[in-house]
Amino acid sequence: MLKLWFLIGIFFLLSACGYKPSSHYSKNIITQKVYTEVEVSLSDPENAVLVKDALNRALYTRLKSQSSKKEDAGSSLKVSYKSIHFVPLQYNRNGYVVYYQANISLKFIFEKGKTKEERSIVGRYEFPIRPSAIISNDLRFKAIEQGSVKALDEFISYISAKGLLQHGK
């Protein structure tokens, strides 16, 4: 019973103070239909597919926006893959790396009408690996995808903050 009253109290506290999720403010900037483009890196072309899939999933799950044709879209988001680095984080007692961090550097260019936002963001993803093993393609692809999602989340947060500032004007 005490938990129920606690949850009701939290609900009233959050609703009374005018709390709105960040996705509410990002809708002031990002439209329902978004043209997405991912620049393909000639040195690592398969990463473009991973980044594009992560971008479309993130837009839909976080903002309920959908990727569309350029002529149908109200805004556009271009992502270019800059680099990826795998950094060893932890070694076992024999000196083998057992934990890595993937640093995926992406450049975002968002346009809506005359508004243009550019931002470079590094998405990080940590993952374990068996001692004396190499990073398999599956682990590498998962690290690139998850790091890209984290970078996209950070960019969406940035856009949300911009939406909040515009909403306040």
N, C-alpha and C. Protein backbone atom coordinates (compact mmCIF):
# COMPACT_ATOMS: atom_id res chain seq x y z
N MET A 1 0.82 -1.19 0.00
CA MET A 1 0.00 0.00 0.00
C MET A 1 0.87 1.25 0.00
N LEU A 2 1.96 1.19 0.77
CA LEU A 2 2.86 2.33 0.84
C LEU A 2 3.50 2.61 -0.53
N LYS A 3 3.81 1.54 -1.26
CA LYS A 3 4.40 1.70 -2.59
C LYS A 3 3.42 2.39 -3.53
N LEU A 4 2.15 2.03 -3.43
CA LEU A 4 1.13 2.63 -4.29
C LEU A 4 1.06 4.13 -4.04
N TRP A 5 1.03 4.53 -2.78
CA TRP A 5 0.98 5.97 -2.45
C TRP A 5 2.25 6.68 -2.91
N PHE A 6 3.36 6.00 -2.79
CA PHE A 6 4.63 6.58 -3.25
C PHE A 6 4.60 6.81 -4.77
N LEU A 7 4.12 5.83 -5.53
CA LEU A 7 4.02 5.97 -6.99
C LEU A 7 3.03 7.07 -7.38
N ILE A 8 1.92 7.14 -6.68
CA ILE A 8 0.94 8.20 -6.96
C ILE A 8 1.55 9.56 -6.67
N GLY A 9 2.28 9.66 -5.57
CA GLY A 9 2.94 10.92 -5.24
C GLY A 9 3.96 11.33 -6.29
N ILE A 10 4.76 10.38 -6.76
CA ILE A 10 5.74 10.68 -7.82
C ILE A 10 5.03 11.12 -9.09
N PHE A 11 3.94 10.44 -9.44
CA PHE A 11 3.17 10.81 -10.63
C PHE A 11 2.68 12.26 -10.54
N PHE A 12 2.09 12.63 -9.42
CA PHE A 12 1.59 13.99 -9.26
C PHE A 12 2.72 15.01 -9.24
N LEU A 13 3.83 14.65 -8.65
CA LEU A 13 4.98 15.55 -8.61
C LEU A 13 5.49 15.83 -10.01
N LEU A 14 5.65 14.78 -10.82
CA LEU A 14 6.14 14.97 -12.18
C LEU A 14 5.13 15.65 -13.08
N SER A 15 3.85 15.34 -12.92
CA SER A 15 2.85 15.97 -13.78
C SER A 15 2.58 17.41 -13.34
N ALA A 16 2.73 17.71 -12.09
CA ALA A 16 2.47 19.06 -11.60
C ALA A 16 3.58 20.03 -11.98
N CYS A 17 4.79 19.54 -12.15
CA CYS A 17 5.89 20.45 -12.46
C CYS A 17 6.05 20.68 -13.96
N GLY A 18 5.18 20.08 -14.79
CA GLY A 18 5.23 20.31 -16.22
C GLY A 18 6.31 19.52 -16.92
N TYR A 19 6.70 18.39 -16.37
CA TYR A 19 7.72 17.56 -16.99
C TYR A 19 7.27 17.08 -18.36
N LYS A 20 8.15 17.20 -19.33
CA LYS A 20 7.91 16.67 -20.67
C LYS A 20 9.19 15.97 -21.11
N PRO A 21 9.07 14.82 -21.75
CA PRO A 21 10.27 14.10 -22.19
C PRO A 21 10.99 14.89 -23.29
N SER A 22 12.26 14.60 -23.46
CA SER A 22 13.06 15.33 -24.45
C SER A 22 12.53 15.15 -25.86
N SER A 23 11.89 14.01 -26.14
CA SER A 23 11.35 13.79 -27.48
C SER A 23 10.26 14.82 -27.81
N HIS A 24 9.58 15.33 -26.79
CA HIS A 24 8.55 16.35 -27.00
C HIS A 24 9.17 17.61 -27.61
N TYR A 25 10.33 18.01 -27.12
CA TYR A 25 10.97 19.22 -27.60
C TYR A 25 11.70 19.01 -28.92
N SER A 26 12.19 17.81 -29.15
CA SER A 26 12.89 17.56 -30.41
C SER A 26 11.91 17.59 -31.58
N LYS A 27 10.62 17.34 -31.31
CA LYS A 27 9.62 17.41 -32.37
C LYS A 27 9.43 18.84 -32.87
N ASN A 28 9.86 19.83 -32.08
CA ASN A 28 9.83 21.21 -32.54
C ASN A 28 10.82 21.42 -33.68
N ILE A 29 11.81 20.55 -33.79
CA ILE A 29 12.83 20.69 -34.82
C ILE A 29 12.76 19.56 -35.84
N ILE A 30 12.81 18.31 -35.37
CA ILE A 30 12.79 17.17 -36.28
C ILE A 30 11.35 16.89 -36.67
N THR A 31 11.09 16.82 -37.97
CA THR A 31 9.72 16.61 -38.46
C THR A 31 9.35 15.13 -38.44
N GLN A 32 8.10 14.85 -38.75
CA GLN A 32 7.61 13.47 -38.76
C GLN A 32 8.29 12.66 -39.86
N LYS A 33 8.56 13.30 -40.99
CA LYS A 33 9.24 12.63 -42.10
C LYS A 33 10.62 13.26 -42.27
N VAL A 34 11.63 12.42 -42.22
CA VAL A 34 13.01 12.88 -42.26
C VAL A 34 13.74 12.17 -43.40
N TYR A 35 14.45 12.94 -44.19
CA TYR A 35 15.32 12.35 -45.22
C TYR A 35 16.64 12.03 -44.55
N THR A 36 17.04 10.77 -44.61
CA THR A 36 18.30 10.37 -43.99
C THR A 36 19.29 9.94 -45.06
N GLU A 37 20.52 10.35 -44.86
CA GLU A 37 21.59 10.00 -45.80
C GLU A 37 22.83 9.68 -44.98
N VAL A 38 23.46 8.58 -45.33
CA VAL A 38 24.70 8.19 -44.68
C VAL A 38 25.77 8.13 -45.74
N GLU A 39 26.81 8.91 -45.54
CA GLU A 39 27.92 8.95 -46.48
C GLU A 39 28.75 7.67 -46.34
N VAL A 40 29.04 7.05 -47.46
CA VAL A 40 29.78 5.79 -47.46
C VAL A 40 31.28 6.08 -47.44
N SER A 41 31.96 5.44 -46.50
CA SER A 41 33.41 5.54 -46.42
C SER A 41 34.00 4.50 -47.35
N LEU A 42 34.90 4.91 -48.23
CA LEU A 42 35.50 3.97 -49.16
C LEU A 42 36.40 2.96 -48.46
N SER A 43 36.96 3.33 -47.32
CA SER A 43 37.83 2.41 -46.59
C SER A 43 37.05 1.37 -45.80
N ASP A 44 35.80 1.65 -45.47
CA ASP A 44 34.99 0.74 -44.65
C ASP A 44 33.52 0.85 -45.07
N PRO A 45 33.15 0.41 -46.29
CA PRO A 45 31.79 0.65 -46.79
C PRO A 45 30.69 -0.05 -46.02
N GLU A 46 30.97 -1.21 -45.38
CA GLU A 46 29.90 -1.93 -44.69
C GLU A 46 29.42 -1.17 -43.45
N ASN A 47 30.23 -0.25 -42.94
CA ASN A 47 29.80 0.53 -41.78
C ASN A 47 28.65 1.47 -42.11
N ALA A 48 28.57 1.92 -43.35
CA ALA A 48 27.49 2.83 -43.75
C ALA A 48 26.13 2.15 -43.58
N VAL A 49 26.05 0.88 -43.91
CA VAL A 49 24.79 0.14 -43.77
C VAL A 49 24.40 0.05 -42.30
N LEU A 50 25.38 -0.25 -41.44
CA LEU A 50 25.11 -0.35 -40.01
C LEU A 50 24.64 0.98 -39.44
N VAL A 51 25.31 2.06 -39.84
CA VAL A 51 24.95 3.39 -39.34
C VAL A 51 23.58 3.80 -39.86
N LYS A 52 23.27 3.51 -41.11
CA LYS A 52 21.97 3.86 -41.69
C LYS A 52 20.84 3.12 -40.96
N ASP A 53 21.02 1.82 -40.72
CA ASP A 53 20.01 1.06 -39.99
C ASP A 53 19.83 1.59 -38.57
N ALA A 54 20.93 1.88 -37.90
CA ALA A 54 20.86 2.41 -36.54
C ALA A 54 20.17 3.78 -36.53
N LEU A 55 20.45 4.60 -37.53
CA LEU A 55 19.84 5.93 -37.63
C LEU A 55 18.33 5.82 -37.80
N ASN A 56 17.89 4.99 -38.73
CA ASN A 56 16.44 4.85 -38.97
C ASN A 56 15.72 4.27 -37.76
N ARG A 57 16.33 3.29 -37.10
CA ARG A 57 15.73 2.70 -35.90
C ARG A 57 15.64 3.73 -34.77
N ALA A 58 16.71 4.50 -34.59
CA ALA A 58 16.73 5.50 -33.52
C ALA A 58 15.69 6.59 -33.77
N LEU A 59 15.56 7.05 -35.00
CA LEU A 59 14.56 8.08 -35.30
C LEU A 59 13.15 7.57 -35.02
N TYR A 60 12.90 6.32 -35.39
CA TYR A 60 11.56 5.79 -35.18
C TYR A 60 11.28 5.50 -33.71
N THR A 61 12.20 4.84 -33.03
CA THR A 61 11.93 4.44 -31.64
C THR A 61 11.97 5.61 -30.67
N ARG A 62 12.81 6.60 -30.93
CA ARG A 62 12.92 7.72 -29.99
C ARG A 62 11.96 8.86 -30.32
N LEU A 63 11.71 9.10 -31.63
CA LEU A 63 10.94 10.28 -32.01
C LEU A 63 9.69 9.97 -32.82
N LYS A 64 9.47 8.73 -33.15
CA LYS A 64 8.36 8.32 -34.02
C LYS A 64 8.42 9.01 -35.37
N SER A 65 9.62 9.35 -35.82
CA SER A 65 9.83 9.92 -37.14
C SER A 65 10.20 8.80 -38.09
N GLN A 66 9.90 9.01 -39.36
CA GLN A 66 10.20 7.99 -40.36
C GLN A 66 11.09 8.55 -41.45
N SER A 67 11.92 7.68 -41.97
CA SER A 67 12.78 8.04 -43.09
C SER A 67 11.91 8.12 -44.35
N SER A 68 12.15 9.14 -45.16
CA SER A 68 11.34 9.30 -46.36
C SER A 68 12.20 9.85 -47.49
N LYS A 69 11.57 10.01 -48.66
CA LYS A 69 12.26 10.59 -49.82
C LYS A 69 12.56 12.05 -49.53
N LYS A 70 13.57 12.56 -50.19
CA LYS A 70 14.00 13.94 -49.95
C LYS A 70 12.89 14.94 -50.23
N GLU A 71 12.12 14.72 -51.29
CA GLU A 71 11.06 15.67 -51.65
C GLU A 71 9.86 15.61 -50.72
N ASP A 72 9.68 14.50 -50.00
CA ASP A 72 8.55 14.36 -49.07
C ASP A 72 8.90 14.79 -47.64
N ALA A 73 10.17 14.94 -47.35
CA ALA A 73 10.62 15.18 -45.98
C ALA A 73 10.58 16.66 -45.61
N GLY A 74 10.34 16.91 -44.33
CA GLY A 74 10.36 18.27 -43.80
C GLY A 74 11.72 18.66 -43.26
N SER A 75 12.58 17.66 -43.03
CA SER A 75 13.93 17.91 -42.53
C SER A 75 14.84 16.80 -43.06
N SER A 76 16.15 17.05 -42.97
CA SER A 76 17.09 16.03 -43.43
C SER A 76 18.22 15.87 -42.43
N LEU A 77 18.74 14.67 -42.38
CA LEU A 77 19.84 14.35 -41.49
C LEU A 77 20.87 13.56 -42.27
N LYS A 78 22.06 14.14 -42.37
CA LYS A 78 23.16 13.49 -43.08
C LYS A 78 24.20 13.08 -42.05
N VAL A 79 24.62 11.83 -42.14
CA VAL A 79 25.61 11.31 -41.21
C VAL A 79 26.80 10.83 -42.02
N SER A 80 27.98 11.26 -41.61
CA SER A 80 29.18 10.75 -42.26
C SER A 80 30.05 10.08 -41.22
N TYR A 81 30.49 8.91 -41.58
CA TYR A 81 31.34 8.08 -40.74
C TYR A 81 32.76 8.61 -40.87
N LYS A 82 33.33 9.05 -39.76
CA LYS A 82 34.67 9.62 -39.80
C LYS A 82 35.75 8.60 -39.46
N SER A 83 35.60 7.90 -38.33
CA SER A 83 36.62 6.92 -37.95
C SER A 83 36.10 5.98 -36.88
N ILE A 84 36.84 4.90 -36.70
CA ILE A 84 36.57 3.97 -35.61
C ILE A 84 37.91 3.53 -35.04
N HIS A 85 37.96 3.49 -33.72
CA HIS A 85 39.17 3.05 -33.03
C HIS A 85 38.76 2.07 -31.93
N PHE A 86 39.51 0.99 -31.84
CA PHE A 86 39.30 0.03 -30.76
C PHE A 86 40.42 0.22 -29.75
N VAL A 87 40.02 0.53 -28.52
CA VAL A 87 40.98 0.82 -27.46
C VAL A 87 40.91 -0.28 -26.41
N PRO A 88 42.03 -0.92 -26.08
CA PRO A 88 42.00 -1.92 -25.01
C PRO A 88 41.76 -1.22 -23.66
N LEU A 89 40.83 -1.77 -22.88
CA LEU A 89 40.50 -1.19 -21.58
C LEU A 89 41.01 -2.01 -20.41
N GLN A 90 41.02 -3.33 -20.59
CA GLN A 90 41.37 -4.19 -19.47
C GLN A 90 42.16 -5.40 -19.98
N TYR A 91 43.17 -5.74 -19.20
CA TYR A 91 44.01 -6.90 -19.52
C TYR A 91 43.86 -7.93 -18.40
N ASN A 92 44.05 -9.21 -18.74
CA ASN A 92 44.08 -10.22 -17.67
C ASN A 92 45.50 -10.32 -17.13
N ARG A 93 45.73 -11.21 -16.19
CA ARG A 93 47.05 -11.28 -15.55
C ARG A 93 48.13 -11.79 -16.50
N ASN A 94 47.74 -12.41 -17.61
CA ASN A 94 48.72 -12.88 -18.59
C ASN A 94 49.04 -11.83 -19.64
N GLY A 95 48.40 -10.69 -19.55
CA GLY A 95 48.67 -9.59 -20.49
C GLY A 95 47.78 -9.57 -21.71
N TYR A 96 46.77 -10.44 -21.77
CA TYR A 96 45.84 -10.45 -22.90
C TYR A 96 44.72 -9.44 -22.66
N VAL A 97 44.32 -8.79 -23.73
CA VAL A 97 43.20 -7.85 -23.64
C VAL A 97 41.91 -8.65 -23.46
N VAL A 98 41.10 -8.26 -22.47
CA VAL A 98 39.83 -8.94 -22.21
C VAL A 98 38.63 -7.98 -22.30
N TYR A 99 38.90 -6.69 -22.49
CA TYR A 99 37.83 -5.70 -22.59
C TYR A 99 38.27 -4.58 -23.52
N TYR A 100 37.44 -4.27 -24.50
CA TYR A 100 37.72 -3.21 -25.46
C TYR A 100 36.67 -2.12 -25.39
N GLN A 101 37.05 -0.96 -25.91
CA GLN A 101 36.10 0.13 -26.13
C GLN A 101 36.21 0.53 -27.59
N ALA A 102 35.06 0.56 -28.27
CA ALA A 102 35.02 1.04 -29.65
C ALA A 102 34.61 2.50 -29.62
N ASN A 103 35.40 3.36 -30.26
CA ASN A 103 35.10 4.78 -30.38
C ASN A 103 34.74 5.07 -31.83
N ILE A 104 33.46 5.35 -32.08
CA ILE A 104 32.97 5.59 -33.43
C ILE A 104 32.71 7.08 -33.56
N SER A 105 33.43 7.71 -34.46
CA SER A 105 33.30 9.15 -34.67
C SER A 105 32.39 9.41 -35.87
N LEU A 106 31.29 10.13 -35.63
CA LEU A 106 30.32 10.45 -36.67
C LEU A 106 30.12 11.96 -36.76
N LYS A 107 29.88 12.44 -37.95
CA LYS A 107 29.55 13.85 -38.15
C LYS A 107 28.10 13.93 -38.60
N PHE A 108 27.32 14.75 -37.91
CA PHE A 108 25.90 14.92 -38.20
C PHE A 108 25.68 16.30 -38.81
N ILE A 109 24.89 16.35 -39.86
CA ILE A 109 24.45 17.61 -40.45
C ILE A 109 22.93 17.54 -40.56
N PHE A 110 22.25 18.38 -39.79
CA PHE A 110 20.79 18.40 -39.76
C PHE A 110 20.32 19.69 -40.41
N GLU A 111 19.32 19.58 -41.30
CA GLU A 111 18.77 20.76 -41.96
C GLU A 111 17.25 20.71 -41.94
N LYS A 112 16.68 21.87 -41.63
CA LYS A 112 15.24 22.06 -41.71
C LYS A 112 15.01 23.50 -42.10
N GLY A 113 14.56 23.70 -43.32
CA GLY A 113 14.39 25.06 -43.82
C GLY A 113 15.73 25.77 -43.87
N LYS A 114 15.80 26.90 -43.18
CA LYS A 114 17.05 27.67 -43.14
C LYS A 114 17.93 27.26 -41.96
N THR A 115 17.41 26.41 -41.09
CA THR A 115 18.15 25.96 -39.92
C THR A 115 19.11 24.85 -40.32
N LYS A 116 20.36 25.00 -39.91
CA LYS A 116 21.37 23.97 -40.18
C LYS A 116 22.22 23.79 -38.93
N GLU A 117 22.30 22.55 -38.48
CA GLU A 117 23.09 22.20 -37.31
C GLU A 117 24.14 21.17 -37.70
N GLU A 118 25.38 21.42 -37.34
CA GLU A 118 26.46 20.46 -37.58
C GLU A 118 27.09 20.11 -36.25
N ARG A 119 27.39 18.83 -36.09
CA ARG A 119 28.00 18.39 -34.84
C ARG A 119 28.75 17.08 -35.07
N SER A 120 29.94 17.00 -34.55
CA SER A 120 30.71 15.75 -34.57
C SER A 120 30.63 15.12 -33.18
N ILE A 121 30.31 13.84 -33.14
CA ILE A 121 30.09 13.14 -31.88
C ILE A 121 30.81 11.79 -31.94
N VAL A 122 31.37 11.41 -30.81
CA VAL A 122 32.01 10.09 -30.68
C VAL A 122 31.09 9.21 -29.83
N GLY A 123 30.65 8.10 -30.43
CA GLY A 123 29.86 7.12 -29.70
C GLY A 123 30.79 6.04 -29.17
N ARG A 124 30.60 5.66 -27.92
CA ARG A 124 31.48 4.67 -27.30
C ARG A 124 30.69 3.44 -26.91
N TYR A 125 31.32 2.28 -27.12
CA TYR A 125 30.70 1.01 -26.75
C TYR A 125 31.79 0.10 -26.21
N GLU A 126 31.58 -0.40 -24.98
CA GLU A 126 32.55 -1.30 -24.34
C GLU A 126 32.04 -2.73 -24.45
N PHE A 127 32.97 -3.65 -24.68
CA PHE A 127 32.58 -5.04 -24.80
C PHE A 127 33.73 -5.97 -24.41
N PRO A 128 33.37 -7.14 -23.84
CA PRO A 128 34.40 -8.11 -23.44
C PRO A 128 34.82 -8.98 -24.63
N ILE A 129 35.98 -9.57 -24.51
CA ILE A 129 36.50 -10.49 -25.51
C ILE A 129 37.26 -11.60 -24.78
N ARG A 130 37.25 -12.77 -25.35
CA ARG A 130 37.98 -13.88 -24.72
C ARG A 130 39.47 -13.58 -24.75
N PRO A 131 40.21 -13.96 -23.72
CA PRO A 131 41.66 -13.75 -23.71
C PRO A 131 42.31 -14.42 -24.91
N SER A 132 43.28 -13.76 -25.49
CA SER A 132 44.07 -14.19 -26.64
C SER A 132 43.23 -14.36 -27.91
N ALA A 133 42.04 -13.79 -27.94
CA ALA A 133 41.19 -13.85 -29.14
C ALA A 133 41.29 -12.54 -29.90
N ILE A 134 40.91 -12.56 -31.15
CA ILE A 134 40.85 -11.33 -31.93
C ILE A 134 39.40 -10.87 -31.99
N ILE A 135 39.21 -9.63 -32.37
CA ILE A 135 37.85 -9.09 -32.49
C ILE A 135 37.23 -9.66 -33.76
N SER A 136 36.18 -10.46 -33.60
CA SER A 136 35.52 -11.07 -34.75
C SER A 136 34.70 -10.01 -35.49
N ASN A 137 34.30 -10.35 -36.72
CA ASN A 137 33.46 -9.44 -37.48
C ASN A 137 32.14 -9.18 -36.78
N ASP A 138 31.57 -10.21 -36.15
CA ASP A 138 30.30 -10.04 -35.44
C ASP A 138 30.44 -9.03 -34.30
N LEU A 139 31.51 -9.18 -33.50
CA LEU A 139 31.74 -8.23 -32.40
C LEU A 139 32.02 -6.83 -32.94
N ARG A 140 32.78 -6.76 -33.99
CA ARG A 140 33.11 -5.46 -34.60
C ARG A 140 31.85 -4.76 -35.10
N PHE A 141 30.99 -5.49 -35.83
CA PHE A 141 29.75 -4.91 -36.34
C PHE A 141 28.83 -4.48 -35.21
N LYS A 142 28.72 -5.31 -34.18
CA LYS A 142 27.87 -4.95 -33.04
C LYS A 142 28.41 -3.70 -32.35
N ALA A 143 29.73 -3.61 -32.20
CA ALA A 143 30.33 -2.44 -31.56
C ALA A 143 30.08 -1.18 -32.39
N ILE A 144 30.19 -1.28 -33.71
CA ILE A 144 29.94 -0.13 -34.58
C ILE A 144 28.48 0.29 -34.50
N GLU A 145 27.58 -0.69 -34.53
CA GLU A 145 26.16 -0.37 -34.46
C GLU A 145 25.80 0.27 -33.13
N GLN A 146 26.25 -0.32 -32.02
CA GLN A 146 25.90 0.21 -30.70
C GLN A 146 26.56 1.57 -30.45
N GLY A 147 27.80 1.74 -30.89
CA GLY A 147 28.46 3.04 -30.76
C GLY A 147 27.75 4.10 -31.58
N SER A 148 27.27 3.72 -32.77
CA SER A 148 26.52 4.65 -33.62
C SER A 148 25.20 5.05 -32.96
N VAL A 149 24.53 4.09 -32.34
CA VAL A 149 23.28 4.38 -31.64
C VAL A 149 23.52 5.36 -30.50
N LYS A 150 24.61 5.16 -29.76
CA LYS A 150 24.93 6.08 -28.66
C LYS A 150 25.23 7.48 -29.18
N ALA A 151 25.94 7.57 -30.30
CA ALA A 151 26.22 8.88 -30.90
C ALA A 151 24.92 9.53 -31.38
N LEU A 152 24.03 8.73 -31.98
CA LEU A 152 22.74 9.24 -32.43
C LEU A 152 21.90 9.73 -31.26
N ASP A 153 21.91 8.97 -30.16
CA ASP A 153 21.18 9.40 -28.96
C ASP A 153 21.69 10.74 -28.46
N GLU A 154 23.00 10.90 -28.48
CA GLU A 154 23.57 12.17 -28.04
C GLU A 154 23.16 13.31 -28.97
N PHE A 155 23.14 13.04 -30.28
CA PHE A 155 22.72 14.07 -31.23
C PHE A 155 21.25 14.41 -31.05
N ILE A 156 20.42 13.40 -30.82
CA ILE A 156 18.99 13.65 -30.59
C ILE A 156 18.79 14.48 -29.32
N SER A 157 19.59 14.21 -28.29
CA SER A 157 19.53 15.02 -27.07
C SER A 157 19.92 16.46 -27.35
N TYR A 158 20.92 16.64 -28.19
CA TYR A 158 21.36 17.98 -28.58
C TYR A 158 20.23 18.71 -29.31
N ILE A 159 19.59 18.01 -30.25
CA ILE A 159 18.48 18.60 -31.00
C ILE A 159 17.31 18.91 -30.06
N SER A 160 17.08 18.04 -29.08
CA SER A 160 16.01 18.27 -28.10
C SER A 160 16.26 19.53 -27.30
N ALA A 161 17.52 19.73 -26.91
CA ALA A 161 17.87 20.95 -26.18
C ALA A 161 17.64 22.18 -27.05
N LYS A 162 17.97 22.08 -28.32
CA LYS A 162 17.70 23.18 -29.26
C LYS A 162 16.20 23.44 -29.37
N GLY A 163 15.41 22.34 -29.41
CA GLY A 163 13.96 22.47 -29.47
C GLY A 163 13.39 23.13 -28.24
N LEU A 164 13.96 22.81 -27.06
CA LEU A 164 13.52 23.42 -25.81
C LEU A 164 13.82 24.92 -25.84
N LEU A 165 15.00 25.29 -26.32
CA LEU A 165 15.36 26.70 -26.39
C LEU A 165 14.45 27.46 -27.35
N GLN A 166 14.10 26.84 -28.49
CA GLN A 166 13.21 27.49 -29.44
C GLN A 166 11.80 27.56 -28.89
N HIS A 167 11.40 26.55 -28.13
CA HIS A 167 10.06 26.53 -27.55
C HIS A 167 9.88 27.63 -26.52
N GLY A 168 10.98 27.93 -25.82
CA GLY A 168 10.93 28.95 -24.77
C GLY A 168 10.86 30.36 -25.32
N LYS A 169 11.17 30.54 -26.62
CA LYS A 169 11.17 31.90 -27.19
C LYS A 169 9.78 32.37 -27.51
